[in-house]
Amino acid sequence: MQTVLEFLVQFLLALAGAIGVAIAWVGGMALLCGAGIGGCGFWWTLRRRKRRALEKLKEITPGD
């Protein structure tokens, strides 16, 4: 009976550890993806601002 109990305890510990690792992986991937999406949006905003600034500069300065 004790070996069955030990087996169940070890099984539950392993299961809890596997679930914890899975949660950590999912959280890490979500963090990385969120940072990637946020960084991409930040880069896109800067690029758009630069393009608008260049267009305004072309309107202001006499061109060819």
PDB file of N, CA and C in Angstrom:
ATOM      1  N   MET A   1       0.819  -1.199   0.000  1.00  0.00           N
ATOM      2  CA  MET A   1       0.000   0.000   0.000  1.00  0.00           C
ATOM      3  C   MET A   1       0.861   1.261   0.000  1.00  0.00           C
ATOM      4  N   GLN A   2       1.982   1.185   0.694  1.00  0.00           N
ATOM      5  CA  GLN A   2       2.847   2.357   0.766  1.00  0.00           C
ATOM      6  C   GLN A   2       3.461   2.665  -0.597  1.00  0.00           C
ATOM      7  N   THR A   3       3.811   1.638  -1.358  1.00  0.00           N
ATOM      8  CA  THR A   3       4.399   1.887  -2.678  1.00  0.00           C
ATOM      9  C   THR A   3       3.377   2.501  -3.626  1.00  0.00           C
ATOM     10  N   VAL A   4       2.133   2.090  -3.511  1.00  0.00           N
ATOM     11  CA  VAL A   4       1.081   2.681  -4.348  1.00  0.00           C
ATOM     12  C   VAL A   4       0.903   4.145  -3.979  1.00  0.00           C
ATOM     13  N   LEU A   5       0.924   4.430  -2.692  1.00  0.00           N
ATOM     14  CA  LEU A   5       0.790   5.803  -2.223  1.00  0.00           C
ATOM     15  C   LEU A   5       1.977   6.649  -2.678  1.00  0.00           C
ATOM     16  N   GLU A   6       3.181   6.090  -2.573  1.00  0.00           N
ATOM     17  CA  GLU A   6       4.368   6.803  -3.042  1.00  0.00           C
ATOM     18  C   GLU A   6       4.285   7.064  -4.544  1.00  0.00           C
ATOM     19  N   PHE A   7       3.809   6.067  -5.287  1.00  0.00           N
ATOM     20  CA  PHE A   7       3.656   6.236  -6.729  1.00  0.00           C
ATOM     21  C   PHE A   7       2.678   7.363  -7.048  1.00  0.00           C
ATOM     22  N   LEU A   8       1.556   7.383  -6.343  1.00  0.00           N
ATOM     23  CA  LEU A   8       0.561   8.428  -6.592  1.00  0.00           C
ATOM     24  C   LEU A   8       1.104   9.811  -6.248  1.00  0.00           C
ATOM     25  N   VAL A   9       1.850   9.900  -5.152  1.00  0.00           N
ATOM     26  CA  VAL A   9       2.439  11.183  -4.770  1.00  0.00           C
ATOM     27  C   VAL A   9       3.445  11.636  -5.823  1.00  0.00           C
ATOM     28  N   GLN A  10       4.300  10.724  -6.257  1.00  0.00           N
ATOM     29  CA  GLN A  10       5.281  11.069  -7.288  1.00  0.00           C
ATOM     30  C   GLN A  10       4.592  11.453  -8.598  1.00  0.00           C
ATOM     31  N   PHE A  11       3.533  10.729  -8.929  1.00  0.00           N
ATOM     32  CA  PHE A  11       2.789  11.026 -10.152  1.00  0.00           C
ATOM     33  C   PHE A  11       2.168  12.417 -10.090  1.00  0.00           C
ATOM     34  N   LEU A  12       1.570  12.752  -8.956  1.00  0.00           N
ATOM     35  CA  LEU A  12       0.959  14.073  -8.803  1.00  0.00           C
ATOM     36  C   LEU A  12       2.004  15.181  -8.829  1.00  0.00           C
ATOM     37  N   LEU A  13       3.157  14.928  -8.213  1.00  0.00           N
ATOM     38  CA  LEU A  13       4.234  15.918  -8.255  1.00  0.00           C
ATOM     39  C   LEU A  13       4.737  16.124  -9.682  1.00  0.00           C
ATOM     40  N   ALA A  14       4.892  15.029 -10.414  1.00  0.00           N
ATOM     41  CA  ALA A  14       5.338  15.134 -11.801  1.00  0.00           C
ATOM     42  C   ALA A  14       4.306  15.858 -12.653  1.00  0.00           C
ATOM     43  N   LEU A  15       3.051  15.550 -12.427  1.00  0.00           N
ATOM     44  CA  LEU A  15       1.979  16.206 -13.173  1.00  0.00           C
ATOM     45  C   LEU A  15       1.939  17.701 -12.873  1.00  0.00           C
ATOM     46  N   ALA A  16       2.060  18.043 -11.598  1.00  0.00           N
ATOM     47  CA  ALA A  16       2.065  19.456 -11.217  1.00  0.00           C
ATOM     48  C   ALA A  16       3.279  20.166 -11.812  1.00  0.00           C
ATOM     49  N   GLY A  17       4.422  19.493 -11.825  1.00  0.00           N
ATOM     50  CA  GLY A  17       5.613  20.084 -12.426  1.00  0.00           C
ATOM     51  C   GLY A  17       5.453  20.289 -13.919  1.00  0.00           C
ATOM     52  N   ALA A  18       4.866  19.301 -14.597  1.00  0.00           N
ATOM     53  CA  ALA A  18       4.647  19.425 -16.041  1.00  0.00           C
ATOM     54  C   ALA A  18       3.675  20.556 -16.356  1.00  0.00           C
ATOM     55  N   ILE A  19       2.638  20.666 -15.557  1.00  0.00           N
ATOM     56  CA  ILE A  19       1.677  21.757 -15.762  1.00  0.00           C
ATOM     57  C   ILE A  19       2.349  23.101 -15.503  1.00  0.00           C
ATOM     58  N   GLY A  20       3.181  23.169 -14.476  1.00  0.00           N
ATOM     59  CA  GLY A  20       3.897  24.411 -14.183  1.00  0.00           C
ATOM     60  C   GLY A  20       4.840  24.806 -15.303  1.00  0.00           C
ATOM     61  N   VAL A  21       5.551  23.830 -15.850  1.00  0.00           N
ATOM     62  CA  VAL A  21       6.455  24.120 -16.970  1.00  0.00           C
ATOM     63  C   VAL A  21       5.660  24.585 -18.183  1.00  0.00           C
ATOM     64  N   ALA A  22       4.527  23.935 -18.444  1.00  0.00           N
ATOM     65  CA  ALA A  22       3.691  24.335 -19.582  1.00  0.00           C
ATOM     66  C   ALA A  22       3.175  25.761 -19.406  1.00  0.00           C
ATOM     67  N   ILE A  23       2.762  26.096 -18.200  1.00  0.00           N
ATOM     68  CA  ILE A  23       2.280  27.455 -17.939  1.00  0.00           C
ATOM     69  C   ILE A  23       3.412  28.460 -18.130  1.00  0.00           C
ATOM     70  N   ALA A  24       4.609  28.108 -17.669  1.00  0.00           N
ATOM     71  CA  ALA A  24       5.752  29.005 -17.838  1.00  0.00           C
ATOM     72  C   ALA A  24       6.077  29.200 -19.318  1.00  0.00           C
ATOM     73  N   TRP A  25       6.028  28.125 -20.100  1.00  0.00           N
ATOM     74  CA  TRP A  25       6.290  28.235 -21.543  1.00  0.00           C
ATOM     75  C   TRP A  25       5.250  29.108 -22.236  1.00  0.00           C
ATOM     76  N   VAL A  26       3.994  28.883 -21.919  1.00  0.00           N
ATOM     77  CA  VAL A  26       2.929  29.674 -22.542  1.00  0.00           C
ATOM     78  C   VAL A  26       3.062  31.141 -22.146  1.00  0.00           C
ATOM     79  N   GLY A  27       3.356  31.394 -20.883  1.00  0.00           N
ATOM     80  CA  GLY A  27       3.552  32.772 -20.443  1.00  0.00           C
ATOM     81  C   GLY A  27       4.734  33.427 -21.124  1.00  0.00           C
ATOM     82  N   GLY A  28       5.822  32.686 -21.261  1.00  0.00           N
ATOM     83  CA  GLY A  28       6.994  33.226 -21.948  1.00  0.00           C
ATOM     84  C   GLY A  28       6.723  33.529 -23.407  1.00  0.00           C
ATOM     85  N   MET A  29       6.033  32.625 -24.075  1.00  0.00           N
ATOM     86  CA  MET A  29       5.701  32.851 -25.488  1.00  0.00           C
ATOM     87  C   MET A  29       4.750  34.038 -25.640  1.00  0.00           C
ATOM     88  N   ALA A  30       3.793  34.155 -24.736  1.00  0.00           N
ATOM     89  CA  ALA A  30       2.868  35.289 -24.788  1.00  0.00           C
ATOM     90  C   ALA A  30       3.620  36.596 -24.570  1.00  0.00           C
ATOM     91  N   LEU A  31       4.571  36.580 -23.654  1.00  0.00           N
ATOM     92  CA  LEU A  31       5.366  37.775 -23.403  1.00  0.00           C
ATOM     93  C   LEU A  31       6.201  38.146 -24.618  1.00  0.00           C
ATOM     94  N   LEU A  32       6.845  37.152 -25.227  1.00  0.00           N
ATOM     95  CA  LEU A  32       7.652  37.423 -26.415  1.00  0.00           C
ATOM     96  C   LEU A  32       6.799  37.908 -27.582  1.00  0.00           C
ATOM     97  N   CYS A  33       5.662  37.269 -27.793  1.00  0.00           N
ATOM     98  CA  CYS A  33       4.785  37.681 -28.894  1.00  0.00           C
ATOM     99  C   CYS A  33       4.223  39.078 -28.641  1.00  0.00           C
ATOM    100  N   GLY A  34       3.859  39.346 -27.415  1.00  0.00           N
ATOM    101  CA  GLY A  34       3.361  40.680 -27.079  1.00  0.00           C
ATOM    102  C   GLY A  34       4.415  41.749 -27.286  1.00  0.00           C
ATOM    103  N   ALA A  35       5.645  41.435 -26.903  1.00  0.00           N
ATOM    104  CA  ALA A  35       6.735  42.387 -27.115  1.00  0.00           C
ATOM    105  C   ALA A  35       6.999  42.568 -28.605  1.00  0.00           C
ATOM    106  N   GLY A  36       6.903  41.491 -29.364  1.00  0.00           N
ATOM    107  CA  GLY A  36       7.104  41.588 -30.809  1.00  0.00           C
ATOM    108  C   GLY A  36       6.034  42.422 -31.477  1.00  0.00           C
ATOM    109  N   ILE A  37       4.797  42.208 -31.078  1.00  0.00           N
ATOM    110  CA  ILE A  37       3.700  42.983 -31.664  1.00  0.00           C
ATOM    111  C   ILE A  37       3.814  44.448 -31.254  1.00  0.00           C
ATOM    112  N   GLY A  38       4.117  44.681 -29.981  1.00  0.00           N
ATOM    113  CA  GLY A  38       4.284  46.059 -29.516  1.00  0.00           C
ATOM    114  C   GLY A  38       5.454  46.753 -30.182  1.00  0.00           C
ATOM    115  N   GLY A  39       6.552  46.048 -30.330  1.00  0.00           N
ATOM    116  CA  GLY A  39       7.718  46.625 -30.993  1.00  0.00           C
ATOM    117  C   GLY A  39       7.461  46.913 -32.452  1.00  0.00           C
ATOM    118  N   CYS A  40       6.737  46.021 -33.105  1.00  0.00           N
ATOM    119  CA  CYS A  40       6.397  46.219 -34.513  1.00  0.00           C
ATOM    120  C   CYS A  40       5.492  47.437 -34.664  1.00  0.00           C
ATOM    121  N   GLY A  41       4.521  47.565 -33.775  1.00  0.00           N
ATOM    122  CA  GLY A  41       3.630  48.720 -33.824  1.00  0.00           C
ATOM    123  C   GLY A  41       4.381  50.014 -33.569  1.00  0.00           C
ATOM    124  N   PHE A  42       5.316  49.981 -32.634  1.00  0.00           N
ATOM    125  CA  PHE A  42       6.128  51.167 -32.354  1.00  0.00           C
ATOM    126  C   PHE A  42       6.968  51.535 -33.565  1.00  0.00           C
ATOM    127  N   TRP A  43       7.582  50.534 -34.214  1.00  0.00           N
ATOM    128  CA  TRP A  43       8.398  50.773 -35.398  1.00  0.00           C
ATOM    129  C   TRP A  43       7.536  51.318 -36.529  1.00  0.00           C
ATOM    130  N   TRP A  44       6.344  50.751 -36.698  1.00  0.00           N
ATOM    131  CA  TRP A  44       5.450  51.180 -37.764  1.00  0.00           C
ATOM    132  C   TRP A  44       5.015  52.630 -37.546  1.00  0.00           C
ATOM    133  N   THR A  45       4.740  52.995 -36.292  1.00  0.00           N
ATOM    134  CA  THR A  45       4.348  54.371 -35.983  1.00  0.00           C
ATOM    135  C   THR A  45       5.483  55.335 -36.289  1.00  0.00           C
ATOM    136  N   LEU A  46       6.704  54.979 -35.905  1.00  0.00           N
ATOM    137  CA  LEU A  46       7.841  55.851 -36.194  1.00  0.00           C
ATOM    138  C   LEU A  46       8.054  56.006 -37.694  1.00  0.00           C
ATOM    139  N   ARG A  47       7.908  54.916 -38.419  1.00  0.00           N
ATOM    140  CA  ARG A  47       8.092  54.974 -39.871  1.00  0.00           C
ATOM    141  C   ARG A  47       7.039  55.878 -40.514  1.00  0.00           C
ATOM    142  N   ARG A  48       5.795  55.753 -40.044  1.00  0.00           N
ATOM    143  CA  ARG A  48       4.714  56.573 -40.591  1.00  0.00           C
ATOM    144  C   ARG A  48       4.944  58.049 -40.266  1.00  0.00           C
ATOM    145  N   ARG A  49       5.395  58.340 -39.046  1.00  0.00           N
ATOM    146  CA  ARG A  49       5.676  59.728 -38.673  1.00  0.00           C
ATOM    147  C   ARG A  49       6.796  60.303 -39.529  1.00  0.00           C
ATOM    148  N   LYS A  50       7.817  59.498 -39.764  1.00  0.00           N
ATOM    149  CA  LYS A  50       8.934  59.970 -40.581  1.00  0.00           C
ATOM    150  C   LYS A  50       8.461  60.252 -42.008  1.00  0.00           C
ATOM    151  N   ARG A  51       7.630  59.371 -42.539  1.00  0.00           N
ATOM    152  CA  ARG A  51       7.119  59.560 -43.893  1.00  0.00           C
ATOM    153  C   ARG A  51       6.277  60.831 -43.976  1.00  0.00           C
ATOM    154  N   ARG A  52       5.419  61.072 -42.992  1.00  0.00           N
ATOM    155  CA  ARG A  52       4.601  62.289 -42.984  1.00  0.00           C
ATOM    156  C   ARG A  52       5.464  63.531 -42.858  1.00  0.00           C
ATOM    157  N   ALA A  53       6.502  63.454 -42.034  1.00  0.00           N
ATOM    158  CA  ALA A  53       7.399  64.599 -41.874  1.00  0.00           C
ATOM    159  C   ALA A  53       8.115  64.896 -43.188  1.00  0.00           C
ATOM    160  N   LEU A  54       8.541  63.860 -43.896  1.00  0.00           N
ATOM    161  CA  LEU A  54       9.203  64.074 -45.182  1.00  0.00           C
ATOM    162  C   LEU A  54       8.242  64.650 -46.214  1.00  0.00           C
ATOM    163  N   GLU A  55       6.989  64.200 -46.200  1.00  0.00           N
ATOM    164  CA  GLU A  55       6.001  64.746 -47.126  1.00  0.00           C
ATOM    165  C   GLU A  55       5.742  66.217 -46.838  1.00  0.00           C
ATOM    166  N   LYS A  56       5.644  66.582 -45.563  1.00  0.00           N
ATOM    167  CA  LYS A  56       5.451  67.987 -45.208  1.00  0.00           C
ATOM    168  C   LYS A  56       6.660  68.813 -45.615  1.00  0.00           C
ATOM    169  N   LEU A  57       7.846  68.249 -45.447  1.00  0.00           N
ATOM    170  CA  LEU A  57       9.062  68.958 -45.822  1.00  0.00           C
ATOM    171  C   LEU A  57       9.108  69.192 -47.327  1.00  0.00           C
ATOM    172  N   LYS A  58       8.659  68.217 -48.094  1.00  0.00           N
ATOM    173  CA  LYS A  58       8.624  68.373 -49.549  1.00  0.00           C
ATOM    174  C   LYS A  58       7.613  69.432 -49.962  1.00  0.00           C
ATOM    175  N   GLU A  59       6.510  69.542 -49.222  1.00  0.00           N
ATOM    176  CA  GLU A  59       5.507  70.561 -49.526  1.00  0.00           C
ATOM    177  C   GLU A  59       6.037  71.954 -49.215  1.00  0.00           C
ATOM    178  N   ILE A  60       6.806  72.071 -48.150  1.00  0.00           N
ATOM    179  CA  ILE A  60       7.298  73.379 -47.720  1.00  0.00           C
ATOM    180  C   ILE A  60       8.426  73.871 -48.621  1.00  0.00           C
ATOM    181  N   THR A  61       9.377  73.015 -48.888  1.00  0.00           N
ATOM    182  CA  THR A  61      10.540  73.431 -49.676  1.00  0.00           C
ATOM    183  C   THR A  61      10.194  73.453 -51.157  1.00  0.00           C
ATOM    184  N   PRO A  62      10.694  74.468 -51.869  1.00  0.00           N
ATOM    185  CA  PRO A  62      10.442  74.507 -53.313  1.00  0.00           C
ATOM    186  C   PRO A  62      11.156  73.348 -53.996  1.00  0.00           C
ATOM    187  N   GLY A  63      10.417  72.619 -54.774  1.00  0.00           N
ATOM    188  CA  GLY A  63      10.982  71.434 -55.416  1.00  0.00           C
ATOM    189  C   GLY A  63      11.387  71.690 -56.847  1.00  0.00           C
ATOM    190  N   ASP A  64      11.812  70.632 -57.489  1.00  0.00           N
ATOM    191  CA  ASP A  64      12.244  70.731 -58.891  1.00  0.00           C
ATOM    192  C   ASP A  64      11.056  70.848 -59.814  1.00  0.00           C
TER     193      ASP A  64
END
